[in-house]
Protein backbone atom coordinates (compact mmCIF):
# COMPACT_ATOMS: atom_id res chain seq x y z
CA UNK A 1 96.28 103.28 89.71
CA UNK A 2 98.61 106.26 89.85
CA UNK A 3 100.86 106.88 92.81
CA UNK A 4 98.84 109.95 93.78
CA UNK A 5 95.64 107.88 93.53
CA UNK A 6 97.15 105.19 95.70
CA UNK A 7 98.29 107.67 98.31
CA UNK A 8 94.85 109.33 98.49
CA UNK A 9 93.18 105.92 98.76
CA UNK A 10 95.53 104.95 101.58
CA UNK A 11 95.11 108.35 103.23
CA UNK A 12 91.34 107.91 103.24
CA UNK A 13 91.71 104.54 104.94
CA UNK A 14 94.28 105.98 107.38
CA UNK A 15 91.88 108.78 108.27
CA UNK A 16 89.09 106.25 108.74
CA UNK A 17 91.27 104.12 111.02
CA UNK A 18 92.09 107.18 113.12
CA UNK A 19 88.48 108.33 113.17
CA UNK A 20 87.12 104.95 114.29
CA UNK A 21 89.74 104.87 117.06
CA UNK A 22 88.81 108.36 118.26
CA UNK A 23 85.04 108.38 117.85
CA UNK A 24 83.81 104.87 117.04
CA UNK A 25 82.23 103.25 114.03
CA UNK A 26 79.23 105.59 113.99
CA UNK A 27 81.53 108.52 113.09
CA UNK A 28 82.68 106.88 109.83
CA UNK A 29 80.80 108.95 107.28
CA UNK A 30 82.19 109.65 103.82
CA UNK A 31 81.81 113.36 104.41
CA UNK A 32 83.77 113.33 107.70
CA UNK A 33 86.53 111.11 106.31
CA UNK A 34 86.85 113.39 103.27
CA UNK A 35 86.90 116.51 105.47
CA UNK A 36 89.67 115.09 107.66
CA UNK A 37 91.62 113.94 104.60
CA UNK A 38 91.38 117.47 103.21
CA UNK A 39 89.50 116.53 100.04
CA UNK A 40 86.06 117.22 98.63
CA UNK A 41 83.23 115.09 99.99
CA UNK A 42 82.93 113.40 96.58
CA UNK A 43 86.61 112.42 96.34
CA UNK A 44 86.33 109.14 98.27
CA UNK A 45 83.84 107.85 95.67
CA UNK A 46 86.64 107.69 93.08
CA UNK A 47 88.33 104.99 95.15
CA UNK A 48 85.40 103.57 97.10
CA UNK A 49 82.21 103.59 95.00
CA UNK A 50 80.16 102.86 98.10
CA UNK A 51 80.43 103.82 101.72
CA UNK A 52 80.44 100.11 102.56
CA UNK A 53 83.59 99.57 100.50
CA UNK A 54 85.43 102.25 102.46
CA UNK A 55 84.22 100.78 105.74
CA UNK A 56 85.41 97.37 104.55
CA UNK A 57 88.87 98.71 103.74
CA UNK A 58 89.07 100.25 107.22
CA UNK A 59 87.91 97.01 108.87
CA UNK A 60 90.49 95.07 106.87
CA UNK A 61 93.18 97.11 108.61
CA UNK A 62 91.74 96.02 111.95
CA UNK A 63 91.85 92.36 110.94
CA UNK A 64 95.45 92.81 109.82
CA UNK A 65 96.35 94.33 113.21
CA UNK A 66 94.63 91.50 115.08
CA UNK A 67 96.33 88.89 112.87
CA UNK A 68 99.76 90.34 113.68
CA UNK A 69 99.02 90.11 117.39
CA UNK A 70 97.76 86.54 117.07
CA UNK A 71 100.61 85.31 114.84
CA UNK A 72 103.09 84.68 117.66
CA UNK A 73 100.60 82.50 119.49
CA UNK A 74 99.52 80.62 116.39
CA UNK A 75 103.14 80.02 115.38
CA UNK A 76 104.08 78.63 118.82
CA UNK A 77 103.54 74.95 118.13
CA UNK A 78 105.53 73.99 121.24
CA UNK A 79 102.67 75.08 123.51
CA UNK A 80 99.70 72.77 123.96
CA UNK A 81 96.46 73.71 122.15
CA UNK A 82 94.60 74.75 125.30
CA UNK A 83 97.41 77.09 126.35
CA UNK A 84 97.42 78.58 122.88
CA UNK A 85 93.62 78.96 122.97
CA UNK A 86 93.89 80.81 126.28
CA UNK A 87 96.60 83.08 124.92
CA UNK A 88 94.63 83.68 121.72
CA UNK A 89 91.53 84.49 123.78
CA UNK A 90 93.57 86.97 125.80
CA UNK A 91 94.90 88.65 122.66
CA UNK A 92 91.38 88.81 121.23
CA UNK A 93 89.97 90.40 124.40
CA UNK A 94 92.88 92.83 124.71
CA UNK A 95 92.37 93.90 121.10
CA UNK A 96 88.61 94.24 121.51
CA UNK A 97 88.93 96.34 124.65
CA UNK A 98 91.82 98.46 123.39
CA UNK A 99 90.26 99.13 119.98
CA UNK A 100 86.55 99.29 120.67
CA UNK A 101 85.49 101.26 117.60
CA UNK A 102 87.55 99.14 115.23
CA UNK A 103 86.41 95.93 116.91
CA UNK A 104 82.78 96.94 116.54
CA UNK A 105 83.28 97.72 112.86
CA UNK A 106 85.22 94.52 112.13
CA UNK A 107 82.47 92.19 113.21
CA UNK A 108 79.55 94.04 111.65
CA UNK A 109 79.54 91.99 108.45
CA UNK A 110 76.00 93.23 107.89
CA UNK A 111 77.52 96.70 107.32
CA UNK A 112 80.47 95.62 105.24
CA UNK A 113 81.11 94.50 101.68
CA UNK A 114 82.79 91.40 103.00
CA UNK A 115 83.11 89.54 99.73
CA UNK A 116 83.97 92.31 97.29
CA UNK A 117 87.16 93.62 98.88
CA UNK A 118 88.34 90.34 100.33
CA UNK A 119 87.24 91.15 103.86
CA UNK A 120 86.22 87.54 104.40
CA UNK A 121 89.74 86.56 103.36
CA UNK A 122 90.97 88.78 106.19
CA UNK A 123 88.46 87.73 108.83
CA UNK A 124 88.09 83.99 108.37
CA UNK A 125 91.72 82.82 108.88
CA UNK A 126 91.57 83.67 112.58
CA UNK A 127 88.39 81.65 112.98
CA UNK A 128 89.96 78.75 111.06
CA UNK A 129 92.93 78.89 113.44
CA UNK A 130 90.51 78.81 116.38
CA UNK A 131 88.78 75.76 114.87
CA UNK A 132 92.11 73.99 114.37
CA UNK A 133 93.18 74.62 117.97
CA UNK A 134 89.82 73.40 119.28
CA UNK A 135 90.14 70.28 117.11
CA UNK A 136 93.56 69.60 118.63
CA UNK A 137 92.34 70.22 122.17
CA UNK A 138 89.04 68.29 121.82
CA UNK A 139 89.25 65.96 118.80
CA UNK A 140 86.03 64.20 119.79
CA UNK A 141 83.98 67.40 119.46
CA UNK A 142 82.61 69.23 116.41
CA UNK A 143 85.42 71.80 116.33
CA UNK A 144 83.53 74.38 114.24
CA UNK A 145 80.58 74.42 116.61
CA UNK A 146 82.74 74.54 119.75
CA UNK A 147 84.94 77.26 118.21
CA UNK A 148 81.83 79.24 117.24
CA UNK A 149 80.43 78.99 120.76
CA UNK A 150 83.79 79.95 122.27
CA UNK A 151 84.09 82.91 119.91
CA UNK A 152 80.56 84.03 120.82
CA UNK A 153 81.47 83.72 124.50
CA UNK A 154 84.63 85.80 123.99
CA UNK A 155 82.65 88.38 122.05
CA UNK A 156 80.13 88.58 124.88
CA UNK A 157 82.90 89.00 127.44
CA UNK A 158 84.43 91.78 125.32
CA UNK A 159 81.11 93.61 124.92
CA UNK A 160 79.99 93.30 128.53
CA UNK A 161 83.46 94.13 129.87
CA UNK A 162 83.66 97.17 127.61
CA UNK A 163 80.35 98.40 128.97
CA UNK A 164 81.46 97.82 132.58
CA UNK A 165 78.71 95.26 133.21
CA UNK A 166 80.91 92.24 134.00
CA UNK A 167 83.10 94.13 136.45
CA UNK A 168 79.97 95.23 138.30
CA UNK A 169 78.31 91.81 138.20
CA UNK A 170 81.37 89.72 139.08
CA UNK A 171 83.26 92.14 141.30
CA UNK A 172 86.48 91.42 139.42
CA UNK A 173 88.87 93.90 137.85
CA UNK A 174 90.45 91.34 135.51
CA UNK A 175 88.82 89.38 132.70
CA UNK A 176 91.31 86.47 133.04
CA UNK A 177 89.04 84.40 135.35
CA UNK A 178 86.19 84.83 132.87
CA UNK A 179 88.42 83.69 130.03
CA UNK A 180 89.51 80.60 132.00
CA UNK A 181 85.88 79.80 132.82
CA UNK A 182 84.88 80.18 129.15
CA UNK A 183 87.65 77.78 128.14
CA UNK A 184 86.53 75.30 130.81
CA UNK A 185 82.93 75.59 129.65
CA UNK A 186 83.78 74.88 126.01
CA UNK A 187 86.76 72.55 126.35
CA UNK A 188 86.16 70.89 129.71
CA UNK A 189 88.20 71.49 132.86
CA UNK A 190 91.91 72.02 132.33
CA UNK A 191 93.88 68.79 132.80
CA UNK A 192 90.79 66.60 132.59
CA UNK A 193 88.22 65.49 130.11
């Protein structure tokens, strides 16, 4: 790929990242991304043969951003697994709530070409890390199932918090108590089994 081709490809993804942040995943049309990149509406097809491939490249950026935020927690082997799970849950919720459009796009694997551009390679490591931490915290449990249920719980908290529903229902202005309760529900009470 030529340098100019690489820069246009990257510019299209950059524009998509900005657009999803400003207007959400529904705004990510090839035509709008091309318009904002200052190219013809057919130009993105040279680099992304399908709309799904461009969406996947944009989502991959989101996974990279989330991975950077999670890395410090995952690298901190001095902290116990439950503490790390709580910190990872907090990072996940902060990311989801601070990047709603990107978050929505990232987890819509039904919309994305997850295998073709290596999106699964970007999305699955975080889940594997969650499974490993759950296995350390609760070795007697099926870590994949518990991690999946915890992830679903965190996703639900993120969605309902983002819509304002949990604040209304619980009367709280902070999701931390909900995160602690989710950890207790999936891992057992802190300090006890």
